[in-house]
Amino acid sequence: APGVVRTDMTESMPVHRQRTDWTDPAQVVELALA
């Protein structure tokens, strides 16, 4: 589960319109590599 990474898809979703806390994509990559 990547959390909520700021992407075209998530930015287009009303549920995330006011979001300010985004998952750093580097954290997703680090976990995937592990």
PDB file of all heavy atoms in Angstrom:
ATOM      1  N   ALA A   1       0.858  -1.177   0.000  1.00  0.00           N
ATOM      2  CA  ALA A   1       0.000   0.000   0.000  1.00  0.00           C
ATOM      3  C   ALA A   1       0.898   1.232   0.000  1.00  0.00           C
ATOM      4  O   ALA A   1       1.699   1.407   0.923  1.00  0.00           O
ATOM      5  CB  ALA A   1      -0.909  -0.011   1.224  1.00  0.00           C
ATOM      6  N   PRO A   2       0.792   2.080  -1.018  1.00  0.00           N
ATOM      7  CA  PRO A   2       1.724   3.202  -1.124  1.00  0.00           C
ATOM      8  C   PRO A   2       1.327   4.433  -0.320  1.00  0.00           C
ATOM      9  O   PRO A   2       2.021   5.453  -0.383  1.00  0.00           O
ATOM     10  CB  PRO A   2       1.695   3.516  -2.626  1.00  0.00           C
ATOM     11  CG  PRO A   2       0.306   3.167  -3.036  1.00  0.00           C
ATOM     12  CD  PRO A   2      -0.071   1.971  -2.197  1.00  0.00           C
ATOM     13  N   GLY A   3       0.232   4.353   0.446  1.00  0.00           N
ATOM     14  CA  GLY A   3      -0.267   5.576   1.056  1.00  0.00           C
ATOM     15  C   GLY A   3      -0.881   6.447  -0.029  1.00  0.00           C
ATOM     16  O   GLY A   3      -1.394   5.928  -1.019  1.00  0.00           O
ATOM     17  N   VAL A   4      -0.827   7.750   0.143  1.00  0.00           N
ATOM     18  CA  VAL A   4      -1.386   8.652  -0.875  1.00  0.00           C
ATOM     19  C   VAL A   4      -0.240   9.473  -1.452  1.00  0.00           C
ATOM     20  O   VAL A   4       0.235  10.442  -0.850  1.00  0.00           O
ATOM     21  CB  VAL A   4      -2.473   9.575  -0.289  1.00  0.00           C
ATOM     22  CG1 VAL A   4      -3.101  10.398  -1.416  1.00  0.00           C
ATOM     23  CG2 VAL A   4      -3.548   8.754   0.417  1.00  0.00           C
ATOM     24  N   VAL A   5       0.223   9.044  -2.607  1.00  0.00           N
ATOM     25  CA  VAL A   5       1.288   9.740  -3.328  1.00  0.00           C
ATOM     26  C   VAL A   5       0.643  10.774  -4.243  1.00  0.00           C
ATOM     27  O   VAL A   5      -0.403  10.520  -4.852  1.00  0.00           O
ATOM     28  CB  VAL A   5       2.132   8.746  -4.143  1.00  0.00           C
ATOM     29  CG1 VAL A   5       3.175   9.473  -4.989  1.00  0.00           C
ATOM     30  CG2 VAL A   5       2.808   7.747  -3.207  1.00  0.00           C
ATOM     31  N   ARG A   6       1.251  11.911  -4.360  1.00  0.00           N
ATOM     32  CA  ARG A   6       0.710  12.983  -5.209  1.00  0.00           C
ATOM     33  C   ARG A   6       0.938  12.626  -6.679  1.00  0.00           C
ATOM     34  O   ARG A   6       2.053  12.673  -7.180  1.00  0.00           O
ATOM     35  CB  ARG A   6       1.370  14.307  -4.873  1.00  0.00           C
ATOM     36  CG  ARG A   6       0.649  15.515  -5.435  1.00  0.00           C
ATOM     37  CD  ARG A   6       1.182  16.803  -4.821  1.00  0.00           C
ATOM     38  NE  ARG A   6       0.293  17.908  -5.053  1.00  0.00           N
ATOM     39  CZ  ARG A   6       0.295  19.027  -4.347  1.00  0.00           C
ATOM     40  NH1 ARG A   6       1.150  19.168  -3.344  1.00  0.00           N
ATOM     41  NH2 ARG A   6      -0.559  20.002  -4.615  1.00  0.00           N
ATOM     42  N   THR A   7      -0.138  12.248  -7.361  1.00  0.00           N
ATOM     43  CA  THR A   7      -0.088  11.885  -8.775  1.00  0.00           C
ATOM     44  C   THR A   7      -1.257  12.545  -9.494  1.00  0.00           C
ATOM     45  O   THR A   7      -2.147  13.134  -8.868  1.00  0.00           O
ATOM     46  CB  THR A   7      -0.187  10.362  -8.964  1.00  0.00           C
ATOM     47  OG1 THR A   7      -1.492   9.925  -8.531  1.00  0.00           O
ATOM     48  CG2 THR A   7       0.872   9.623  -8.159  1.00  0.00           C
ATOM     49  N   ASP A   8      -1.265  12.421 -10.814  1.00  0.00           N
ATOM     50  CA  ASP A   8      -2.397  12.950 -11.581  1.00  0.00           C
ATOM     51  C   ASP A   8      -3.708  12.331 -11.102  1.00  0.00           C
ATOM     52  O   ASP A   8      -4.734  13.014 -11.011  1.00  0.00           O
ATOM     53  CB  ASP A   8      -2.208  12.677 -13.081  1.00  0.00           C
ATOM     54  CG  ASP A   8      -1.069  13.477 -13.679  1.00  0.00           C
ATOM     55  OD1 ASP A   8      -0.659  14.467 -13.049  1.00  0.00           O
ATOM     56  OD2 ASP A   8      -0.603  13.115 -14.776  1.00  0.00           O
ATOM     57  N   MET A   9      -3.677  11.030 -10.803  1.00  0.00           N
ATOM     58  CA  MET A   9      -4.893  10.348 -10.392  1.00  0.00           C
ATOM     59  C   MET A   9      -5.389  10.846  -9.039  1.00  0.00           C
ATOM     60  O   MET A   9      -6.561  11.188  -8.882  1.00  0.00           O
ATOM     61  CB  MET A   9      -4.683   8.834 -10.340  1.00  0.00           C
ATOM     62  CG  MET A   9      -5.950   8.044 -10.025  1.00  0.00           C
ATOM     63  SD  MET A   9      -5.727   6.238 -10.001  1.00  0.00           S
ATOM     64  CE  MET A   9      -5.072   6.014  -8.346  1.00  0.00           C
ATOM     65  N   THR A  10      -4.488  10.893  -8.040  1.00  0.00           N
ATOM     66  CA  THR A  10      -4.934  11.295  -6.710  1.00  0.00           C
ATOM     67  C   THR A  10      -5.342  12.765  -6.674  1.00  0.00           C
ATOM     68  O   THR A  10      -6.284  13.137  -5.965  1.00  0.00           O
ATOM     69  CB  THR A  10      -3.847  11.026  -5.656  1.00  0.00           C
ATOM     70  OG1 THR A  10      -2.625  11.655  -6.061  1.00  0.00           O
ATOM     71  CG2 THR A  10      -3.602   9.536  -5.488  1.00  0.00           C
ATOM     72  N   GLU A  11      -4.658  13.602  -7.448  1.00  0.00           N
ATOM     73  CA  GLU A  11      -5.021  15.017  -7.461  1.00  0.00           C
ATOM     74  C   GLU A  11      -6.378  15.254  -8.109  1.00  0.00           C
ATOM     75  O   GLU A  11      -7.025  16.276  -7.857  1.00  0.00           O
ATOM     76  CB  GLU A  11      -3.946  15.835  -8.176  1.00  0.00           C
ATOM     77  CG  GLU A  11      -2.671  16.001  -7.357  1.00  0.00           C
ATOM     78  CD  GLU A  11      -1.740  17.041  -7.948  1.00  0.00           C
ATOM     79  OE1 GLU A  11      -1.534  17.013  -9.178  1.00  0.00           O
ATOM     80  OE2 GLU A  11      -1.234  17.880  -7.187  1.00  0.00           O
ATOM     81  N   SER A  12      -6.824  14.320  -8.949  1.00  0.00           N
ATOM     82  CA  SER A  12      -8.126  14.464  -9.604  1.00  0.00           C
ATOM     83  C   SER A  12      -9.276  13.957  -8.742  1.00  0.00           C
ATOM     84  O   SER A  12     -10.444  14.150  -9.085  1.00  0.00           O
ATOM     85  CB  SER A  12      -8.126  13.692 -10.934  1.00  0.00           C
ATOM     86  OG  SER A  12      -8.150  12.287 -10.704  1.00  0.00           O
ATOM     87  N   MET A  13      -8.959  13.331  -7.612  1.00  0.00           N
ATOM     88  CA  MET A  13      -9.987  12.730  -6.764  1.00  0.00           C
ATOM     89  C   MET A  13     -10.493  13.742  -5.725  1.00  0.00           C
ATOM     90  O   MET A  13      -9.694  14.295  -4.958  1.00  0.00           O
ATOM     91  CB  MET A  13      -9.420  11.486  -6.056  1.00  0.00           C
ATOM     92  CG  MET A  13      -9.008  10.387  -7.011  1.00  0.00           C
ATOM     93  SD  MET A  13      -8.065   9.067  -6.200  1.00  0.00           S
ATOM     94  CE  MET A  13      -9.309   8.402  -5.062  1.00  0.00           C
ATOM     95  N   PRO A  14     -11.800  13.997  -5.697  1.00  0.00           N
ATOM     96  CA  PRO A  14     -12.350  14.953  -4.724  1.00  0.00           C
ATOM     97  C   PRO A  14     -11.948  14.662  -3.280  1.00  0.00           C
ATOM     98  O   PRO A  14     -11.729  15.581  -2.495  1.00  0.00           O
ATOM     99  CB  PRO A  14     -13.863  14.814  -4.927  1.00  0.00           C
ATOM    100  CG  PRO A  14     -14.012  14.398  -6.356  1.00  0.00           C
ATOM    101  CD  PRO A  14     -12.838  13.492  -6.616  1.00  0.00           C
ATOM    102  N   VAL A  15     -11.826  13.373  -2.926  1.00  0.00           N
ATOM    103  CA  VAL A  15     -11.513  13.021  -1.548  1.00  0.00           C
ATOM    104  C   VAL A  15     -10.151  13.559  -1.118  1.00  0.00           C
ATOM    105  O   VAL A  15      -9.895  13.780   0.074  1.00  0.00           O
ATOM    106  CB  VAL A  15     -11.575  11.486  -1.361  1.00  0.00           C
ATOM    107  CG1 VAL A  15     -10.412  10.792  -2.087  1.00  0.00           C
ATOM    108  CG2 VAL A  15     -11.590  11.116   0.114  1.00  0.00           C
ATOM    109  N   HIS A  16      -9.265  13.815  -2.083  1.00  0.00           N
ATOM    110  CA  HIS A  16      -7.919  14.310  -1.753  1.00  0.00           C
ATOM    111  C   HIS A  16      -7.740  15.793  -2.071  1.00  0.00           C
ATOM    112  O   HIS A  16      -6.617  16.298  -2.007  1.00  0.00           O
ATOM    113  CB  HIS A  16      -6.865  13.511  -2.520  1.00  0.00           C
ATOM    114  CG  HIS A  16      -6.851  12.058  -2.192  1.00  0.00           C
ATOM    115  ND1 HIS A  16      -6.800  11.589  -0.906  1.00  0.00           N
ATOM    116  CD2 HIS A  16      -6.885  10.952  -2.999  1.00  0.00           C
ATOM    117  CE1 HIS A  16      -6.806  10.256  -0.914  1.00  0.00           C
ATOM    118  NE2 HIS A  16      -6.864   9.852  -2.168  1.00  0.00           N
ATOM    119  N   ARG A  17      -8.830  16.500  -2.384  1.00  0.00           N
ATOM    120  CA  ARG A  17      -8.716  17.877  -2.859  1.00  0.00           C
ATOM    121  C   ARG A  17      -8.061  18.798  -1.837  1.00  0.00           C
ATOM    122  O   ARG A  17      -7.314  19.704  -2.201  1.00  0.00           O
ATOM    123  CB  ARG A  17     -10.107  18.387  -3.241  1.00  0.00           C
ATOM    124  CG  ARG A  17     -10.087  19.630  -4.107  1.00  0.00           C
ATOM    125  CD  ARG A  17     -11.373  19.747  -4.892  1.00  0.00           C
ATOM    126  NE  ARG A  17     -11.441  18.786  -5.992  1.00  0.00           N
ATOM    127  CZ  ARG A  17     -12.587  18.383  -6.557  1.00  0.00           C
ATOM    128  NH1 ARG A  17     -13.738  18.827  -6.105  1.00  0.00           N
ATOM    129  NH2 ARG A  17     -12.556  17.521  -7.557  1.00  0.00           N
ATOM    130  N   GLN A  18      -8.322  18.581  -0.572  1.00  0.00           N
ATOM    131  CA  GLN A  18      -7.757  19.454   0.479  1.00  0.00           C
ATOM    132  C   GLN A  18      -6.543  18.824   1.167  1.00  0.00           C
ATOM    133  O   GLN A  18      -6.063  19.345   2.158  1.00  0.00           O
ATOM    134  CB  GLN A  18      -8.845  19.762   1.522  1.00  0.00           C
ATOM    135  CG  GLN A  18     -10.117  20.390   0.966  1.00  0.00           C
ATOM    136  CD  GLN A  18      -9.845  21.679   0.224  1.00  0.00           C
ATOM    137  OE1 GLN A  18      -9.052  22.515   0.666  1.00  0.00           O
ATOM    138  NE2 GLN A  18     -10.513  21.863  -0.911  1.00  0.00           N
ATOM    139  N   ARG A  19      -6.051  17.731   0.637  1.00  0.00           N
ATOM    140  CA  ARG A  19      -4.950  17.022   1.297  1.00  0.00           C
ATOM    141  C   ARG A  19      -3.652  17.818   1.242  1.00  0.00           C
ATOM    142  O   ARG A  19      -3.305  18.406   0.219  1.00  0.00           O
ATOM    143  CB  ARG A  19      -4.743  15.657   0.649  1.00  0.00           C
ATOM    144  CG  ARG A  19      -3.589  14.849   1.259  1.00  0.00           C
ATOM    145  CD  ARG A  19      -3.470  13.477   0.636  1.00  0.00           C
ATOM    146  NE  ARG A  19      -4.587  12.637   1.029  1.00  0.00           N
ATOM    147  CZ  ARG A  19      -4.635  11.947   2.162  1.00  0.00           C
ATOM    148  NH1 ARG A  19      -3.629  12.013   3.031  1.00  0.00           N
ATOM    149  NH2 ARG A  19      -5.685  11.200   2.441  1.00  0.00           N
ATOM    150  N   THR A  20      -2.949  17.817   2.351  1.00  0.00           N
ATOM    151  CA  THR A  20      -1.625  18.454   2.400  1.00  0.00           C
ATOM    152  C   THR A  20      -0.534  17.458   2.790  1.00  0.00           C
ATOM    153  O   THR A  20       0.649  17.736   2.593  1.00  0.00           O
ATOM    154  CB  THR A  20      -1.624  19.613   3.414  1.00  0.00           C
ATOM    155  OG1 THR A  20      -1.998  19.112   4.702  1.00  0.00           O
ATOM    156  CG2 THR A  20      -2.594  20.714   2.978  1.00  0.00           C
ATOM    157  N   ASP A  21      -0.924  16.312   3.367  1.00  0.00           N
ATOM    158  CA  ASP A  21       0.065  15.300   3.775  1.00  0.00           C
ATOM    159  C   ASP A  21       0.102  14.178   2.732  1.00  0.00           C
ATOM    160  O   ASP A  21      -0.816  13.390   2.635  1.00  0.00           O
ATOM    161  CB  ASP A  21      -0.251  14.743   5.159  1.00  0.00           C
ATOM    162  CG  ASP A  21      -1.649  14.150   5.251  1.00  0.00           C
ATOM    163  OD1 ASP A  21      -2.574  14.731   4.644  1.00  0.00           O
ATOM    164  OD2 ASP A  21      -1.819  13.097   5.897  1.00  0.00           O
ATOM    165  N   TRP A  22       1.150  14.152   1.964  1.00  0.00           N
ATOM    166  CA  TRP A  22       1.314  13.166   0.894  1.00  0.00           C
ATOM    167  C   TRP A  22       2.466  12.231   1.230  1.00  0.00           C
ATOM    168  O   TRP A  22       3.440  12.620   1.869  1.00  0.00           O
ATOM    169  CB  TRP A  22       1.618  13.864  -0.438  1.00  0.00           C
ATOM    170  CG  TRP A  22       0.565  14.827  -0.886  1.00  0.00           C
ATOM    171  CD1 TRP A  22       0.501  16.156  -0.600  1.00  0.00           C
ATOM    172  CD2 TRP A  22      -0.569  14.531  -1.702  1.00  0.00           C
ATOM    173  NE1 TRP A  22      -0.605  16.717  -1.184  1.00  0.00           N
ATOM    174  CE2 TRP A  22      -1.281  15.751  -1.873  1.00  0.00           C
ATOM    175  CE3 TRP A  22      -1.057  13.380  -2.307  1.00  0.00           C
ATOM    176  CZ2 TRP A  22      -2.448  15.825  -2.628  1.00  0.00           C
ATOM    177  CZ3 TRP A  22      -2.217  13.455  -3.060  1.00  0.00           C
ATOM    178  CH2 TRP A  22      -2.906  14.663  -3.210  1.00  0.00           C
ATOM    179  N   THR A  23       2.356  10.976   0.778  1.00  0.00           N
ATOM    180  CA  THR A  23       3.454  10.032   0.952  1.00  0.00           C
ATOM    181  C   THR A  23       4.571  10.365  -0.032  1.00  0.00           C
ATOM    182  O   THR A  23       4.316  10.569  -1.229  1.00  0.00           O
ATOM    183  CB  THR A  23       2.984   8.590   0.703  1.00  0.00           C
ATOM    184  OG1 THR A  23       1.877   8.301   1.548  1.00  0.00           O
ATOM    185  CG2 THR A  23       4.108   7.601   0.994  1.00  0.00           C
ATOM    186  N   ASP A  24       5.778  10.411   0.458  1.00  0.00           N
ATOM    187  CA  ASP A  24       6.938  10.648  -0.399  1.00  0.00           C
ATOM    188  C   ASP A  24       7.143   9.424  -1.289  1.00  0.00           C
ATOM    189  O   ASP A  24       7.281   8.308  -0.781  1.00  0.00           O
ATOM    190  CB  ASP A  24       8.172  10.877   0.478  1.00  0.00           C
ATOM    191  CG  ASP A  24       9.415  11.244  -0.316  1.00  0.00           C
ATOM    192  OD1 ASP A  24       9.434  11.039  -1.554  1.00  0.00           O
ATOM    193  OD2 ASP A  24      10.384  11.712   0.313  1.00  0.00           O
ATOM    194  N   PRO A  25       7.152   9.607  -2.614  1.00  0.00           N
ATOM    195  CA  PRO A  25       7.350   8.440  -3.487  1.00  0.00           C
ATOM    196  C   PRO A  25       8.646   7.696  -3.218  1.00  0.00           C
ATOM    197  O   PRO A  25       8.740   6.490  -3.490  1.00  0.00           O
ATOM    198  CB  PRO A  25       7.315   9.033  -4.901  1.00  0.00           C
ATOM    199  CG  PRO A  25       7.489  10.502  -4.730  1.00  0.00           C
ATOM    200  CD  PRO A  25       6.943  10.834  -3.388  1.00  0.00           C
ATOM    201  N   ALA A  26       9.648   8.378  -2.680  1.00  0.00           N
ATOM    202  CA  ALA A  26      10.906   7.696  -2.351  1.00  0.00           C
ATOM    203  C   ALA A  26      10.682   6.614  -1.305  1.00  0.00           C
ATOM    204  O   ALA A  26      11.381   5.590  -1.295  1.00  0.00           O
ATOM    205  CB  ALA A  26      11.933   8.710  -1.851  1.00  0.00           C
ATOM    206  N   GLN A  27       9.697   6.816  -0.426  1.00  0.00           N
ATOM    207  CA  GLN A  27       9.392   5.800   0.585  1.00  0.00           C
ATOM    208  C   GLN A  27       8.758   4.562  -0.052  1.00  0.00           C
ATOM    209  O   GLN A  27       8.996   3.441   0.397  1.00  0.00           O
ATOM    210  CB  GLN A  27       8.453   6.388   1.642  1.00  0.00           C
ATOM    211  CG  GLN A  27       9.069   7.514   2.457  1.00  0.00           C
ATOM    212  CD  GLN A  27       8.065   8.150   3.403  1.00  0.00           C
ATOM    213  OE1 GLN A  27       7.013   8.641   2.991  1.00  0.00           O
ATOM    214  NE2 GLN A  27       8.390   8.144   4.687  1.00  0.00           N
ATOM    215  N   VAL A  28       7.967   4.766  -1.093  1.00  0.00           N
ATOM    216  CA  VAL A  28       7.365   3.636  -1.818  1.00  0.00           C
ATOM    217  C   VAL A  28       8.456   2.841  -2.519  1.00  0.00           C
ATOM    218  O   VAL A  28       8.489   1.604  -2.462  1.00  0.00           O
ATOM    219  CB  VAL A  28       6.324   4.133  -2.837  1.00  0.00           C
ATOM    220  CG1 VAL A  28       5.651   2.951  -3.528  1.00  0.00           C
ATOM    221  CG2 VAL A  28       5.279   5.014  -2.165  1.00  0.00           C
ATOM    222  N   VAL A  29       9.361   3.546  -3.173  1.00  0.00           N
ATOM    223  CA  VAL A  29      10.455   2.892  -3.889  1.00  0.00           C
ATOM    224  C   VAL A  29      11.337   2.121  -2.919  1.00  0.00           C
ATOM    225  O   VAL A  29      11.717   0.968  -3.173  1.00  0.00           O
ATOM    226  CB  VAL A  29      11.286   3.931  -4.676  1.00  0.00           C
ATOM    227  CG1 VAL A  29      12.527   3.275  -5.274  1.00  0.00           C
ATOM    228  CG2 VAL A  29      10.443   4.576  -5.773  1.00  0.00           C
ATOM    229  N   GLU A  30      11.678   2.731  -1.789  1.00  0.00           N
ATOM    230  CA  GLU A  30      12.525   2.066  -0.793  1.00  0.00           C
ATOM    231  C   GLU A  30      11.899   0.759  -0.332  1.00  0.00           C
ATOM    232  O   GLU A  30      12.578  -0.269  -0.228  1.00  0.00           O
ATOM    233  CB  GLU A  30      12.749   2.993   0.400  1.00  0.00           C
ATOM    234  CG  GLU A  30      13.588   2.366   1.518  1.00  0.00           C
ATOM    235  CD  GLU A  30      13.657   3.215   2.770  1.00  0.00           C
ATOM    236  OE1 GLU A  30      12.650   3.861   3.113  1.00  0.00           O
ATOM    237  OE2 GLU A  30      14.721   3.218   3.417  1.00  0.00           O
ATOM    238  N   LEU A  31      10.593   0.789  -0.066  1.00  0.00           N
ATOM    239  CA  LEU A  31       9.918  -0.404   0.420  1.00  0.00           C
ATOM    240  C   LEU A  31       9.821  -1.462  -0.679  1.00  0.00           C
ATOM    241  O   LEU A  31      10.015  -2.657  -0.417  1.00  0.00           O
ATOM    242  CB  LEU A  31       8.524  -0.031   0.930  1.00  0.00           C
ATOM    243  CG  LEU A  31       7.949  -0.827   2.100  1.00  0.00           C
ATOM    244  CD1 LEU A  31       8.950  -0.976   3.229  1.00  0.00           C
ATOM    245  CD2 LEU A  31       6.662  -0.183   2.590  1.00  0.00           C
ATOM    246  N   ALA A  32       9.549  -1.035  -1.892  1.00  0.00           N
ATOM    247  CA  ALA A  32       9.460  -1.980  -3.007  1.00  0.00           C
ATOM    248  C   ALA A  32      10.793  -2.684  -3.246  1.00  0.00           C
ATOM    249  O   ALA A  32      10.837  -3.898  -3.484  1.00  0.00           O
ATOM    250  CB  ALA A  32       9.005  -1.263  -4.280  1.00  0.00           C
ATOM    251  N   LEU A  33      11.877  -1.942  -3.176  1.00  0.00           N
ATOM    252  CA  LEU A  33      13.196  -2.542  -3.375  1.00  0.00           C
ATOM    253  C   LEU A  33      13.528  -3.534  -2.263  1.00  0.00           C
ATOM    254  O   LEU A  33      14.142  -4.581  -2.518  1.00  0.00           O
ATOM    255  CB  LEU A  33      14.261  -1.451  -3.448  1.00  0.00           C
ATOM    256  CG  LEU A  33      14.254  -0.591  -4.706  1.00  0.00           C
ATOM    257  CD1 LEU A  33      15.217   0.585  -4.567  1.00  0.00           C
ATOM    258  CD2 LEU A  33      14.619  -1.422  -5.937  1.00  0.00           C
ATOM    259  N   ALA A  34      13.117  -3.225  -1.038  1.00  0.00           N
ATOM    260  CA  ALA A  34      13.359  -4.147   0.073  1.00  0.00           C
ATOM    261  C   ALA A  34      12.549  -5.428  -0.092  1.00  0.00           C
ATOM    262  O   ALA A  34      13.024  -6.525   0.222  1.00  0.00           O
ATOM    263  CB  ALA A  34      13.031  -3.466   1.395  1.00  0.00           C
TER     264      ALA A  34
END
